[in-house]
């Protein structure tokens, strides 16, 4: 039996009735498709629930990704300007910023998988 995650107190009688109907529908589906996984159930519920795609974790991931893109643009622009003035390219700071930024982006996007 697969039960969708729920809070301990549902707000209204309608939400309680909906939860009961969902449990019944999931039980019926699990009886027809015994190999259905909890991840498939979560994905199905998320796809029909309005507003679940743009979660707080996803907003953080988007913000971190945009911040890394801006940082990379600034690094490339400053490096190019420095090269035109005859300065050496600062490879170590560039590598450190890119590695840390990439780790932050990957971590932020991995957290969205739990939503």
PDB file of N, CA and C in Angstrom:
ATOM      1  N   UNK A   1       0.832  -1.169   0.000  1.00  0.00           N
ATOM      2  CA  UNK A   1       0.000   0.000   0.000  1.00  0.00           C
ATOM      3  C   UNK A   1       0.885   1.243   0.000  1.00  0.00           C
ATOM      4  N   UNK A   2       0.568   2.197  -0.841  1.00  0.00           N
ATOM      5  CA  UNK A   2       1.315   3.444  -0.919  1.00  0.00           C
ATOM      6  C   UNK A   2       0.422   4.557  -0.416  1.00  0.00           C
ATOM      7  N   UNK A   3       0.939   5.320   0.545  1.00  0.00           N
ATOM      8  CA  UNK A   3       0.174   6.419   1.112  1.00  0.00           C
ATOM      9  C   UNK A   3       0.940   7.702   0.833  1.00  0.00           C
ATOM     10  N   UNK A   4       0.285   8.696   0.228  1.00  0.00           N
ATOM     11  CA  UNK A   4       0.994   9.945  -0.018  1.00  0.00           C
ATOM     12  C   UNK A   4       1.311  10.650   1.290  1.00  0.00           C
ATOM     13  N   UNK A   5       2.438  11.368   1.326  1.00  0.00           N
ATOM     14  CA  UNK A   5       2.763  12.076   2.562  1.00  0.00           C
ATOM     15  C   UNK A   5       1.709  13.139   2.862  1.00  0.00           C
ATOM     16  N   UNK A   6       1.391  13.281   4.137  1.00  0.00           N
ATOM     17  CA  UNK A   6       0.397  14.278   4.524  1.00  0.00           C
ATOM     18  C   UNK A   6       0.764  14.835   5.890  1.00  0.00           C
ATOM     19  N   UNK A   7       0.185  15.962   6.216  1.00  0.00           N
ATOM     20  CA  UNK A   7       0.397  16.538   7.539  1.00  0.00           C
ATOM     21  C   UNK A   7      -0.532  15.845   8.524  1.00  0.00           C
ATOM     22  N   UNK A   8      -0.251  16.003   9.802  1.00  0.00           N
ATOM     23  CA  UNK A   8      -1.070  15.315  10.792  1.00  0.00           C
ATOM     24  C   UNK A   8      -2.465  15.917  10.895  1.00  0.00           C
ATOM     25  N   UNK A   9      -2.601  17.199  10.634  1.00  0.00           N
ATOM     26  CA  UNK A   9      -3.917  17.823  10.675  1.00  0.00           C
ATOM     27  C   UNK A   9      -4.233  18.410   9.316  1.00  0.00           C
ATOM     28  N   UNK A  10      -5.327  17.964   8.735  1.00  0.00           N
ATOM     29  CA  UNK A  10      -5.756  18.506   7.462  1.00  0.00           C
ATOM     30  C   UNK A  10      -6.680  19.679   7.737  1.00  0.00           C
ATOM     31  N   UNK A  11      -6.605  20.681   6.906  1.00  0.00           N
ATOM     32  CA  UNK A  11      -7.257  21.952   7.193  1.00  0.00           C
ATOM     33  C   UNK A  11      -8.784  21.892   7.171  1.00  0.00           C
ATOM     34  N   UNK A  12      -9.363  21.183   6.227  1.00  0.00           N
ATOM     35  CA  UNK A  12     -10.819  21.242   6.062  1.00  0.00           C
ATOM     36  C   UNK A  12     -11.389  19.840   5.895  1.00  0.00           C
ATOM     37  N   UNK A  13     -12.690  19.695   6.055  1.00  0.00           N
ATOM     38  CA  UNK A  13     -13.311  18.402   5.777  1.00  0.00           C
ATOM     39  C   UNK A  13     -13.117  17.980   4.317  1.00  0.00           C
ATOM     40  N   UNK A  14     -13.124  18.959   3.413  1.00  0.00           N
ATOM     41  CA  UNK A  14     -12.886  18.626   1.992  1.00  0.00           C
ATOM     42  C   UNK A  14     -11.500  18.037   1.785  1.00  0.00           C
ATOM     43  N   UNK A  15     -10.494  18.606   2.459  1.00  0.00           N
ATOM     44  CA  UNK A  15      -9.140  18.075   2.291  1.00  0.00           C
ATOM     45  C   UNK A  15      -9.030  16.667   2.883  1.00  0.00           C
ATOM     46  N   UNK A  16      -9.756  16.408   3.979  1.00  0.00           N
ATOM     47  CA  UNK A  16      -9.774  15.053   4.547  1.00  0.00           C
ATOM     48  C   UNK A  16     -10.421  14.076   3.574  1.00  0.00           C
ATOM     49  N   UNK A  17     -11.516  14.499   2.951  1.00  0.00           N
ATOM     50  CA  UNK A  17     -12.194  13.635   1.978  1.00  0.00           C
ATOM     51  C   UNK A  17     -11.298  13.387   0.764  1.00  0.00           C
ATOM     52  N   UNK A  18     -10.606  14.418   0.321  1.00  0.00           N
ATOM     53  CA  UNK A  18      -9.696  14.258  -0.811  1.00  0.00           C
ATOM     54  C   UNK A  18      -8.569  13.294  -0.472  1.00  0.00           C
ATOM     55  N   UNK A  19      -8.011  13.418   0.728  1.00  0.00           N
ATOM     56  CA  UNK A  19      -6.949  12.504   1.148  1.00  0.00           C
ATOM     57  C   UNK A  19      -7.445  11.058   1.180  1.00  0.00           C
ATOM     58  N   UNK A  20      -8.655  10.876   1.651  1.00  0.00           N
ATOM     59  CA  UNK A  20      -9.241   9.531   1.695  1.00  0.00           C
ATOM     60  C   UNK A  20      -9.417   8.971   0.281  1.00  0.00           C
ATOM     61  N   UNK A  21      -9.919   9.812  -0.637  1.00  0.00           N
ATOM     62  CA  UNK A  21     -10.082   9.373  -2.027  1.00  0.00           C
ATOM     63  C   UNK A  21      -8.739   9.072  -2.690  1.00  0.00           C
ATOM     64  N   UNK A  22      -7.739   9.899  -2.391  1.00  0.00           N
ATOM     65  CA  UNK A  22      -6.405   9.660  -2.954  1.00  0.00           C
ATOM     66  C   UNK A  22      -5.830   8.338  -2.455  1.00  0.00           C
ATOM     67  N   UNK A  23      -5.993   8.078  -1.147  1.00  0.00           N
ATOM     68  CA  UNK A  23      -5.508   6.804  -0.604  1.00  0.00           C
ATOM     69  C   UNK A  23      -6.178   5.623  -1.298  1.00  0.00           C
ATOM     70  N   UNK A  24      -7.481   5.734  -1.500  1.00  0.00           N
ATOM     71  CA  UNK A  24      -8.232   4.668  -2.165  1.00  0.00           C
ATOM     72  C   UNK A  24      -7.741   4.500  -3.615  1.00  0.00           C
ATOM     73  N   UNK A  25      -7.580   5.603  -4.313  1.00  0.00           N
ATOM     74  CA  UNK A  25      -7.109   5.537  -5.704  1.00  0.00           C
ATOM     75  C   UNK A  25      -5.704   4.953  -5.785  1.00  0.00           C
ATOM     76  N   UNK A  26      -4.828   5.344  -4.860  1.00  0.00           N
ATOM     77  CA  UNK A  26      -3.468   4.800  -4.860  1.00  0.00           C
ATOM     78  C   UNK A  26      -3.459   3.310  -4.533  1.00  0.00           C
ATOM     79  N   UNK A  27      -4.310   2.900  -3.609  1.00  0.00           N
ATOM     80  CA  UNK A  27      -4.411   1.476  -3.285  1.00  0.00           C
ATOM     81  C   UNK A  27      -4.898   0.680  -4.498  1.00  0.00           C
ATOM     82  N   UNK A  28      -5.906   1.196  -5.197  1.00  0.00           N
ATOM     83  CA  UNK A  28      -6.414   0.526  -6.403  1.00  0.00           C
ATOM     84  C   UNK A  28      -5.319   0.438  -7.470  1.00  0.00           C
ATOM     85  N   UNK A  29      -4.597   1.535  -7.656  1.00  0.00           N
ATOM     86  CA  UNK A  29      -3.537   1.537  -8.666  1.00  0.00           C
ATOM     87  C   UNK A  29      -2.427   0.564  -8.274  1.00  0.00           C
ATOM     88  N   UNK A  30      -2.058   0.551  -6.992  1.00  0.00           N
ATOM     89  CA  UNK A  30      -1.004  -0.361  -6.528  1.00  0.00           C
ATOM     90  C   UNK A  30      -1.423  -1.820  -6.699  1.00  0.00           C
ATOM     91  N   UNK A  31      -2.710  -2.089  -6.585  1.00  0.00           N
ATOM     92  CA  UNK A  31      -3.192  -3.460  -6.791  1.00  0.00           C
ATOM     93  C   UNK A  31      -3.044  -3.863  -8.260  1.00  0.00           C
ATOM     94  N   UNK A  32      -3.285  -2.906  -9.178  1.00  0.00           N
ATOM     95  CA  UNK A  32      -3.137  -3.199 -10.619  1.00  0.00           C
ATOM     96  C   UNK A  32      -1.678  -3.177 -11.060  1.00  0.00           C
ATOM     97  N   UNK A  33      -0.886  -2.307 -10.455  1.00  0.00           N
ATOM     98  CA  UNK A  33       0.536  -2.135 -10.806  1.00  0.00           C
ATOM     99  C   UNK A  33       1.375  -2.317  -9.544  1.00  0.00           C
ATOM    100  N   UNK A  34       1.641  -3.551  -9.137  1.00  0.00           N
ATOM    101  CA  UNK A  34       2.319  -3.777  -7.848  1.00  0.00           C
ATOM    102  C   UNK A  34       3.762  -3.260  -7.800  1.00  0.00           C
ATOM    103  N   UNK A  35       4.377  -3.001  -8.936  1.00  0.00           N
ATOM    104  CA  UNK A  35       5.768  -2.546  -8.935  1.00  0.00           C
ATOM    105  C   UNK A  35       5.902  -1.017  -8.929  1.00  0.00           C
ATOM    106  N   UNK A  36       4.804  -0.295  -8.734  1.00  0.00           N
ATOM    107  CA  UNK A  36       4.876   1.167  -8.712  1.00  0.00           C
ATOM    108  C   UNK A  36       5.706   1.606  -7.497  1.00  0.00           C
ATOM    109  N   UNK A  37       6.608   2.561  -7.734  1.00  0.00           N
ATOM    110  CA  UNK A  37       7.484   3.013  -6.646  1.00  0.00           C
ATOM    111  C   UNK A  37       6.931   4.274  -5.998  1.00  0.00           C
ATOM    112  N   UNK A  38       7.429   4.549  -4.821  1.00  0.00           N
ATOM    113  CA  UNK A  38       7.011   5.760  -4.109  1.00  0.00           C
ATOM    114  C   UNK A  38       7.423   7.002  -4.909  1.00  0.00           C
ATOM    115  N   UNK A  39       8.550   6.949  -5.585  1.00  0.00           N
ATOM    116  CA  UNK A  39       9.006   8.074  -6.410  1.00  0.00           C
ATOM    117  C   UNK A  39       8.043   8.331  -7.563  1.00  0.00           C
ATOM    118  N   UNK A  40       7.527   7.275  -8.168  1.00  0.00           N
ATOM    119  CA  UNK A  40       6.550   7.444  -9.247  1.00  0.00           C
ATOM    120  C   UNK A  40       5.261   8.085  -8.728  1.00  0.00           C
ATOM    121  N   UNK A  41       4.856   7.683  -7.533  1.00  0.00           N
ATOM    122  CA  UNK A  41       3.656   8.259  -6.931  1.00  0.00           C
ATOM    123  C   UNK A  41       3.881   9.738  -6.643  1.00  0.00           C
ATOM    124  N   UNK A  42       5.049  10.073  -6.058  1.00  0.00           N
ATOM    125  CA  UNK A  42       5.355  11.481  -5.781  1.00  0.00           C
ATOM    126  C   UNK A  42       5.367  12.303  -7.060  1.00  0.00           C
ATOM    127  N   UNK A  43       5.983  11.766  -8.117  1.00  0.00           N
ATOM    128  CA  UNK A  43       6.049  12.488  -9.387  1.00  0.00           C
ATOM    129  C   UNK A  43       4.653  12.705  -9.961  1.00  0.00           C
ATOM    130  N   UNK A  44       3.810  11.694  -9.867  1.00  0.00           N
ATOM    131  CA  UNK A  44       2.445  11.823 -10.383  1.00  0.00           C
ATOM    132  C   UNK A  44       1.653  12.859  -9.595  1.00  0.00           C
ATOM    133  N   UNK A  45       1.762  12.820  -8.275  1.00  0.00           N
ATOM    134  CA  UNK A  45       1.043  13.794  -7.449  1.00  0.00           C
ATOM    135  C   UNK A  45       1.563  15.217  -7.706  1.00  0.00           C
ATOM    136  N   UNK A  46       2.883  15.359  -7.856  1.00  0.00           N
ATOM    137  CA  UNK A  46       3.455  16.685  -8.120  1.00  0.00           C
ATOM    138  C   UNK A  46       3.014  17.214  -9.474  1.00  0.00           C
ATOM    139  N   UNK A  47       2.868  16.309 -10.451  1.00  0.00           N
ATOM    140  CA  UNK A  47       2.502  16.771 -11.794  1.00  0.00           C
ATOM    141  C   UNK A  47       1.067  17.278 -11.870  1.00  0.00           C
ATOM    142  N   UNK A  48       0.214  16.847 -10.957  1.00  0.00           N
ATOM    143  CA  UNK A  48      -1.178  17.302 -10.992  1.00  0.00           C
ATOM    144  C   UNK A  48      -1.499  18.320  -9.896  1.00  0.00           C
ATOM    145  N   UNK A  49      -0.511  18.643  -9.070  1.00  0.00           N
ATOM    146  CA  UNK A  49      -0.715  19.613  -8.001  1.00  0.00           C
ATOM    147  C   UNK A  49      -0.192  20.965  -8.464  1.00  0.00           C
ATOM    148  N   UNK A  50      -1.047  21.974  -8.544  1.00  0.00           N
ATOM    149  CA  UNK A  50      -0.586  23.283  -9.013  1.00  0.00           C
ATOM    150  C   UNK A  50       0.433  23.898  -8.064  1.00  0.00           C
ATOM    151  N   UNK A  51       1.451  24.504  -8.641  1.00  0.00           N
ATOM    152  CA  UNK A  51       2.420  25.249  -7.845  1.00  0.00           C
ATOM    153  C   UNK A  51       3.505  24.426  -7.203  1.00  0.00           C
ATOM    154  N   UNK A  52       3.638  23.142  -7.503  1.00  0.00           N
ATOM    155  CA  UNK A  52       4.661  22.349  -6.839  1.00  0.00           C
ATOM    156  C   UNK A  52       5.986  22.327  -7.594  1.00  0.00           C
ATOM    157  N   UNK A  53       6.008  22.801  -8.850  1.00  0.00           N
ATOM    158  CA  UNK A  53       7.266  22.750  -9.598  1.00  0.00           C
ATOM    159  C   UNK A  53       8.260  23.767  -9.070  1.00  0.00           C
ATOM    160  N   UNK A  54       7.802  24.969  -8.737  1.00  0.00           N
ATOM    161  CA  UNK A  54       8.717  26.033  -8.339  1.00  0.00           C
ATOM    162  C   UNK A  54       8.761  26.111  -6.814  1.00  0.00           C
ATOM    163  N   UNK A  55       9.425  25.154  -6.215  1.00  0.00           N
ATOM    164  CA  UNK A  55       9.505  25.031  -4.764  1.00  0.00           C
ATOM    165  C   UNK A  55      10.601  25.946  -4.209  1.00  0.00           C
ATOM    166  N   UNK A  56      10.643  26.151  -2.888  1.00  0.00           N
ATOM    167  CA  UNK A  56      11.710  26.979  -2.307  1.00  0.00           C
ATOM    168  C   UNK A  56      13.113  26.462  -2.645  1.00  0.00           C
ATOM    169  N   UNK A  57      13.312  25.152  -2.614  1.00  0.00           N
ATOM    170  CA  UNK A  57      14.633  24.599  -2.944  1.00  0.00           C
ATOM    171  C   UNK A  57      14.988  24.878  -4.399  1.00  0.00           C
ATOM    172  N   UNK A  58      14.009  24.819  -5.276  1.00  0.00           N
ATOM    173  CA  UNK A  58      14.265  25.098  -6.691  1.00  0.00           C
ATOM    174  C   UNK A  58      14.588  26.575  -6.899  1.00  0.00           C
ATOM    175  N   UNK A  59      13.918  27.458  -6.145  1.00  0.00           N
ATOM    176  CA  UNK A  59      14.231  28.890  -6.242  1.00  0.00           C
ATOM    177  C   UNK A  59      15.671  29.145  -5.809  1.00  0.00           C
ATOM    178  N   UNK A  60      16.117  28.483  -4.744  1.00  0.00           N
ATOM    179  CA  UNK A  60      17.503  28.626  -4.288  1.00  0.00           C
ATOM    180  C   UNK A  60      18.454  28.130  -5.367  1.00  0.00           C
ATOM    181  N   UNK A  61      18.126  26.986  -5.971  1.00  0.00           N
ATOM    182  CA  UNK A  61      18.990  26.428  -7.012  1.00  0.00           C
ATOM    183  C   UNK A  61      19.091  27.373  -8.202  1.00  0.00           C
ATOM    184  N   UNK A  62      17.986  27.965  -8.590  1.00  0.00           N
ATOM    185  CA  UNK A  62      18.011  28.911  -9.707  1.00  0.00           C
ATOM    186  C   UNK A  62      18.849  30.131  -9.333  1.00  0.00           C
ATOM    187  N   UNK A  63      18.678  30.645  -8.122  1.00  0.00           N
ATOM    188  CA  UNK A  63      19.442  31.818  -7.684  1.00  0.00           C
ATOM    189  C   UNK A  63      20.937  31.526  -7.639  1.00  0.00           C
ATOM    190  N   UNK A  64      21.318  30.352  -7.134  1.00  0.00           N
ATOM    191  CA  UNK A  64      22.735  29.981  -7.079  1.00  0.00           C
ATOM    192  C   UNK A  64      23.297  29.841  -8.491  1.00  0.00           C
ATOM    193  N   UNK A  65      22.530  29.257  -9.393  1.00  0.00           N
ATOM    194  CA  UNK A  65      22.976  29.099 -10.775  1.00  0.00           C
ATOM    195  C   UNK A  65      23.182  30.450 -11.443  1.00  0.00           C
ATOM    196  N   UNK A  66      22.255  31.368 -11.236  1.00  0.00           N
ATOM    197  CA  UNK A  66      22.388  32.711 -11.815  1.00  0.00           C
ATOM    198  C   UNK A  66      23.594  33.429 -11.214  1.00  0.00           C
ATOM    199  N   UNK A  67      23.787  33.287  -9.908  1.00  0.00           N
ATOM    200  CA  UNK A  67      24.941  33.921  -9.257  1.00  0.00           C
ATOM    201  C   UNK A  67      26.249  33.381  -9.829  1.00  0.00           C
ATOM    202  N   UNK A  68      26.325  32.070 -10.065  1.00  0.00           N
ATOM    203  CA  UNK A  68      27.537  31.506 -10.660  1.00  0.00           C
ATOM    204  C   UNK A  68      27.737  32.034 -12.069  1.00  0.00           C
ATOM    205  N   UNK A  69      26.674  32.142 -12.833  1.00  0.00           N
ATOM    206  CA  UNK A  69      26.790  32.664 -14.199  1.00  0.00           C
ATOM    207  C   UNK A  69      27.311  34.100 -14.186  1.00  0.00           C
ATOM    208  N   UNK A  70      26.824  34.921 -13.281  1.00  0.00           N
ATOM    209  CA  UNK A  70      27.292  36.304 -13.172  1.00  0.00           C
ATOM    210  C   UNK A  70      28.765  36.337 -12.753  1.00  0.00           C
ATOM    211  N   UNK A  71      29.131  35.469 -11.802  1.00  0.00           N
ATOM    212  CA  UNK A  71      30.528  35.422 -11.353  1.00  0.00           C
ATOM    213  C   UNK A  71      31.448  34.992 -12.485  1.00  0.00           C
ATOM    214  N   UNK A  72      31.036  34.003 -13.254  1.00  0.00           N
ATOM    215  CA  UNK A  72      31.853  33.549 -14.382  1.00  0.00           C
ATOM    216  C   UNK A  72      31.985  34.663 -15.421  1.00  0.00           C
ATOM    217  N   UNK A  73      30.897  35.356 -15.700  1.00  0.00           N
ATOM    218  CA  UNK A  73      30.951  36.472 -16.649  1.00  0.00           C
ATOM    219  C   UNK A  73      31.914  37.544 -16.152  1.00  0.00           C
ATOM    220  N   UNK A  74      31.849  37.879 -14.867  1.00  0.00           N
ATOM    221  CA  UNK A  74      32.742  38.897 -14.309  1.00  0.00           C
ATOM    222  C   UNK A  74      34.194  38.450 -14.370  1.00  0.00           C
ATOM    223  N   UNK A  75      34.444  37.179 -14.073  1.00  0.00           N
ATOM    224  CA  UNK A  75      35.815  36.662 -14.158  1.00  0.00           C
ATOM    225  C   UNK A  75      36.359  36.719 -15.582  1.00  0.00           C
ATOM    226  N   UNK A  76      35.548  36.297 -16.518  1.00  0.00           N
ATOM    227  CA  UNK A  76      35.986  36.304 -17.916  1.00  0.00           C
ATOM    228  C   UNK A  76      36.243  37.735 -18.372  1.00  0.00           C
ATOM    229  N   UNK A  77      35.352  38.644 -18.019  1.00  0.00           N
ATOM    230  CA  UNK A  77      35.522  40.047 -18.429  1.00  0.00           C
ATOM    231  C   UNK A  77      36.770  40.657 -17.801  1.00  0.00           C
ATOM    232  N   UNK A  78      36.986  40.422 -16.508  1.00  0.00           N
ATOM    233  CA  UNK A  78      38.160  41.007 -15.860  1.00  0.00           C
ATOM    234  C   UNK A  78      39.450  40.363 -16.348  1.00  0.00           C
ATOM    235  N   UNK A  79      39.408  39.064 -16.622  1.00  0.00           N
ATOM    236  CA  UNK A  79      40.594  38.378 -17.136  1.00  0.00           C
ATOM    237  C   UNK A  79      40.949  38.896 -18.525  1.00  0.00           C
ATOM    238  N   UNK A  80      39.956  39.078 -19.352  1.00  0.00           N
ATOM    239  CA  UNK A  80      40.204  39.584 -20.702  1.00  0.00           C
ATOM    240  C   UNK A  80      40.764  41.004 -20.647  1.00  0.00           C
ATOM    241  N   UNK A  81      40.214  41.816 -19.774  1.00  0.00           N
ATOM    242  CA  UNK A  81      40.718  43.188 -19.633  1.00  0.00           C
ATOM    243  C   UNK A  81      42.168  43.168 -19.147  1.00  0.00           C
ATOM    244  N   UNK A  82      42.469  42.304 -18.187  1.00  0.00           N
ATOM    245  CA  UNK A  82      43.835  42.187 -17.675  1.00  0.00           C
ATOM    246  C   UNK A  82      44.799  41.686 -18.733  1.00  0.00           C
ATOM    247  N   UNK A  83      44.351  40.758 -19.558  1.00  0.00           N
ATOM    248  CA  UNK A  83      45.219  40.242 -20.629  1.00  0.00           C
ATOM    249  C   UNK A  83      45.554  41.335 -21.627  1.00  0.00           C
ATOM    250  N   UNK A  84      44.600  42.181 -21.908  1.00  0.00           N
ATOM    251  CA  UNK A  84      44.849  43.269 -22.859  1.00  0.00           C
ATOM    252  C   UNK A  84      45.839  44.286 -22.292  1.00  0.00           C
ATOM    253  N   UNK A  85      45.948  44.357 -20.989  1.00  0.00           N
ATOM    254  CA  UNK A  85      46.903  45.273 -20.354  1.00  0.00           C
ATOM    255  C   UNK A  85      48.224  44.575 -20.046  1.00  0.00           C
ATOM    256  N   UNK A  86      48.372  43.332 -20.442  1.00  0.00           N
ATOM    257  CA  UNK A  86      49.629  42.611 -20.256  1.00  0.00           C
ATOM    258  C   UNK A  86      49.767  41.899 -18.926  1.00  0.00           C
ATOM    259  N   UNK A  87      48.708  41.794 -18.153  1.00  0.00           N
ATOM    260  CA  UNK A  87      48.770  41.080 -16.876  1.00  0.00           C
ATOM    261  C   UNK A  87      48.611  39.578 -17.111  1.00  0.00           C
ATOM    262  N   UNK A  88      49.217  38.761 -16.241  1.00  0.00           N
ATOM    263  CA  UNK A  88      49.036  37.308 -16.377  1.00  0.00           C
ATOM    264  C   UNK A  88      47.620  36.908 -15.957  1.00  0.00           C
ATOM    265  N   UNK A  89      47.150  35.825 -16.516  1.00  0.00           N
ATOM    266  CA  UNK A  89      45.811  35.325 -16.192  1.00  0.00           C
ATOM    267  C   UNK A  89      45.841  34.663 -14.814  1.00  0.00           C
ATOM    268  N   UNK A  90      44.959  35.059 -13.893  1.00  0.00           N
ATOM    269  CA  UNK A  90      44.945  34.488 -12.531  1.00  0.00           C
ATOM    270  C   UNK A  90      44.228  33.132 -12.502  1.00  0.00           C
ATOM    271  N   UNK A  91      44.889  32.090 -12.937  1.00  0.00           N
ATOM    272  CA  UNK A  91      44.235  30.786 -13.076  1.00  0.00           C
ATOM    273  C   UNK A  91      43.800  30.187 -11.747  1.00  0.00           C
ATOM    274  N   UNK A  92      44.578  30.357 -10.696  1.00  0.00           N
ATOM    275  CA  UNK A  92      44.227  29.738  -9.410  1.00  0.00           C
ATOM    276  C   UNK A  92      42.933  30.337  -8.847  1.00  0.00           C
ATOM    277  N   UNK A  93      42.791  31.664  -8.756  1.00  0.00           N
ATOM    278  CA  UNK A  93      41.499  32.192  -8.266  1.00  0.00           C
ATOM    279  C   UNK A  93      40.324  31.803  -9.168  1.00  0.00           C
ATOM    280  N   UNK A  94      40.554  31.779 -10.462  1.00  0.00           N
ATOM    281  CA  UNK A  94      39.483  31.384 -11.377  1.00  0.00           C
ATOM    282  C   UNK A  94      39.064  29.946 -11.108  1.00  0.00           C
ATOM    283  N   UNK A  95      40.027  29.054 -10.956  1.00  0.00           N
ATOM    284  CA  UNK A  95      39.727  27.642 -10.692  1.00  0.00           C
ATOM    285  C   UNK A  95      39.000  27.472  -9.362  1.00  0.00           C
ATOM    286  N   UNK A  96      39.423  28.213  -8.341  1.00  0.00           N
ATOM    287  CA  UNK A  96      38.789  28.113  -7.022  1.00  0.00           C
ATOM    288  C   UNK A  96      37.330  28.591  -7.084  1.00  0.00           C
ATOM    289  N   UNK A  97      37.102  29.727  -7.730  1.00  0.00           N
ATOM    290  CA  UNK A  97      35.736  30.260  -7.841  1.00  0.00           C
ATOM    291  C   UNK A  97      34.857  29.302  -8.639  1.00  0.00           C
ATOM    292  N   UNK A  98      35.378  28.796  -9.745  1.00  0.00           N
ATOM    293  CA  UNK A  98      34.580  27.874 -10.561  1.00  0.00           C
ATOM    294  C   UNK A  98      34.283  26.572  -9.825  1.00  0.00           C
ATOM    295  N   UNK A  99      35.274  26.035  -9.116  1.00  0.00           N
ATOM    296  CA  UNK A  99      35.055  24.782  -8.382  1.00  0.00           C
ATOM    297  C   UNK A  99      34.028  24.979  -7.265  1.00  0.00           C
ATOM    298  N   UNK A 100      34.179  26.060  -6.496  1.00  0.00           N
ATOM    299  CA  UNK A 100      33.238  26.319  -5.400  1.00  0.00           C
ATOM    300  C   UNK A 100      31.840  26.611  -5.950  1.00  0.00           C
ATOM    301  N   UNK A 101      31.781  27.387  -7.004  1.00  0.00           N
ATOM    302  CA  UNK A 101      30.490  27.706  -7.605  1.00  0.00           C
ATOM    303  C   UNK A 101      29.807  26.488  -8.179  1.00  0.00           C
ATOM    304  N   UNK A 102      30.566  25.650  -8.851  1.00  0.00           N
ATOM    305  CA  UNK A 102      29.995  24.432  -9.417  1.00  0.00           C
ATOM    306  C   UNK A 102      29.486  23.506  -8.314  1.00  0.00           C
ATOM    307  N   UNK A 103      30.254  23.398  -7.238  1.00  0.00           N
ATOM    308  CA  UNK A 103      29.810  22.571  -6.111  1.00  0.00           C
ATOM    309  C   UNK A 103      28.521  23.126  -5.505  1.00  0.00           C
ATOM    310  N   UNK A 104      28.433  24.451  -5.390  1.00  0.00           N
ATOM    311  CA  UNK A 104      27.218  25.061  -4.839  1.00  0.00           C
ATOM    312  C   UNK A 104      26.020  24.821  -5.747  1.00  0.00           C
ATOM    313  N   UNK A 105      26.224  24.936  -7.049  1.00  0.00           N
ATOM    314  CA  UNK A 105      25.124  24.712  -7.999  1.00  0.00           C
ATOM    315  C   UNK A 105      24.670  23.259  -7.959  1.00  0.00           C
ATOM    316  N   UNK A 106      25.617  22.343  -7.988  1.00  0.00           N
ATOM    317  CA  UNK A 106      25.259  20.921  -7.951  1.00  0.00           C
ATOM    318  C   UNK A 106      24.537  20.589  -6.641  1.00  0.00           C
ATOM    319  N   UNK A 107      25.055  21.099  -5.533  1.00  0.00           N
ATOM    320  CA  UNK A 107      24.410  20.854  -4.244  1.00  0.00           C
ATOM    321  C   UNK A 107      22.997  21.415  -4.189  1.00  0.00           C
ATOM    322  N   UNK A 108      22.830  22.623  -4.710  1.00  0.00           N
ATOM    323  CA  UNK A 108      21.493  23.239  -4.697  1.00  0.00           C
ATOM    324  C   UNK A 108      20.522  22.448  -5.557  1.00  0.00           C
ATOM    325  N   UNK A 109      20.955  22.009  -6.726  1.00  0.00           N
ATOM    326  CA  UNK A 109      20.058  21.243  -7.594  1.00  0.00           C
ATOM    327  C   UNK A 109      19.783  19.851  -7.040  1.00  0.00           C
ATOM    328  N   UNK A 110      20.745  19.252  -6.357  1.00  0.00           N
ATOM    329  CA  UNK A 110      20.512  17.945  -5.739  1.00  0.00           C
ATOM    330  C   UNK A 110      19.460  18.051  -4.632  1.00  0.00           C
ATOM    331  N   UNK A 111      19.448  19.171  -3.922  1.00  0.00           N
ATOM    332  CA  UNK A 111      18.440  19.351  -2.862  1.00  0.00           C
ATOM    333  C   UNK A 111      17.038  19.444  -3.445  1.00  0.00           C
ATOM    334  N   UNK A 112      16.911  19.881  -4.693  1.00  0.00           N
ATOM    335  CA  UNK A 112      15.571  19.982  -5.278  1.00  0.00           C
ATOM    336  C   UNK A 112      14.974  18.610  -5.545  1.00  0.00           C
ATOM    337  N   UNK A 113      15.808  17.594  -5.596  1.00  0.00           N
ATOM    338  CA  UNK A 113      15.296  16.244  -5.853  1.00  0.00           C
ATOM    339  C   UNK A 113      14.462  15.734  -4.684  1.00  0.00           C
ATOM    340  N   UNK A 114      14.661  16.306  -3.483  1.00  0.00           N
ATOM    341  CA  UNK A 114      13.914  15.855  -2.304  1.00  0.00           C
ATOM    342  C   UNK A 114      12.542  16.491  -2.202  1.00  0.00           C
ATOM    343  N   UNK A 115      12.286  17.533  -3.008  1.00  0.00           N
ATOM    344  CA  UNK A 115      10.991  18.209  -2.959  1.00  0.00           C
ATOM    345  C   UNK A 115       9.922  17.412  -3.663  1.00  0.00           C
TER     346      UNK A 115
END
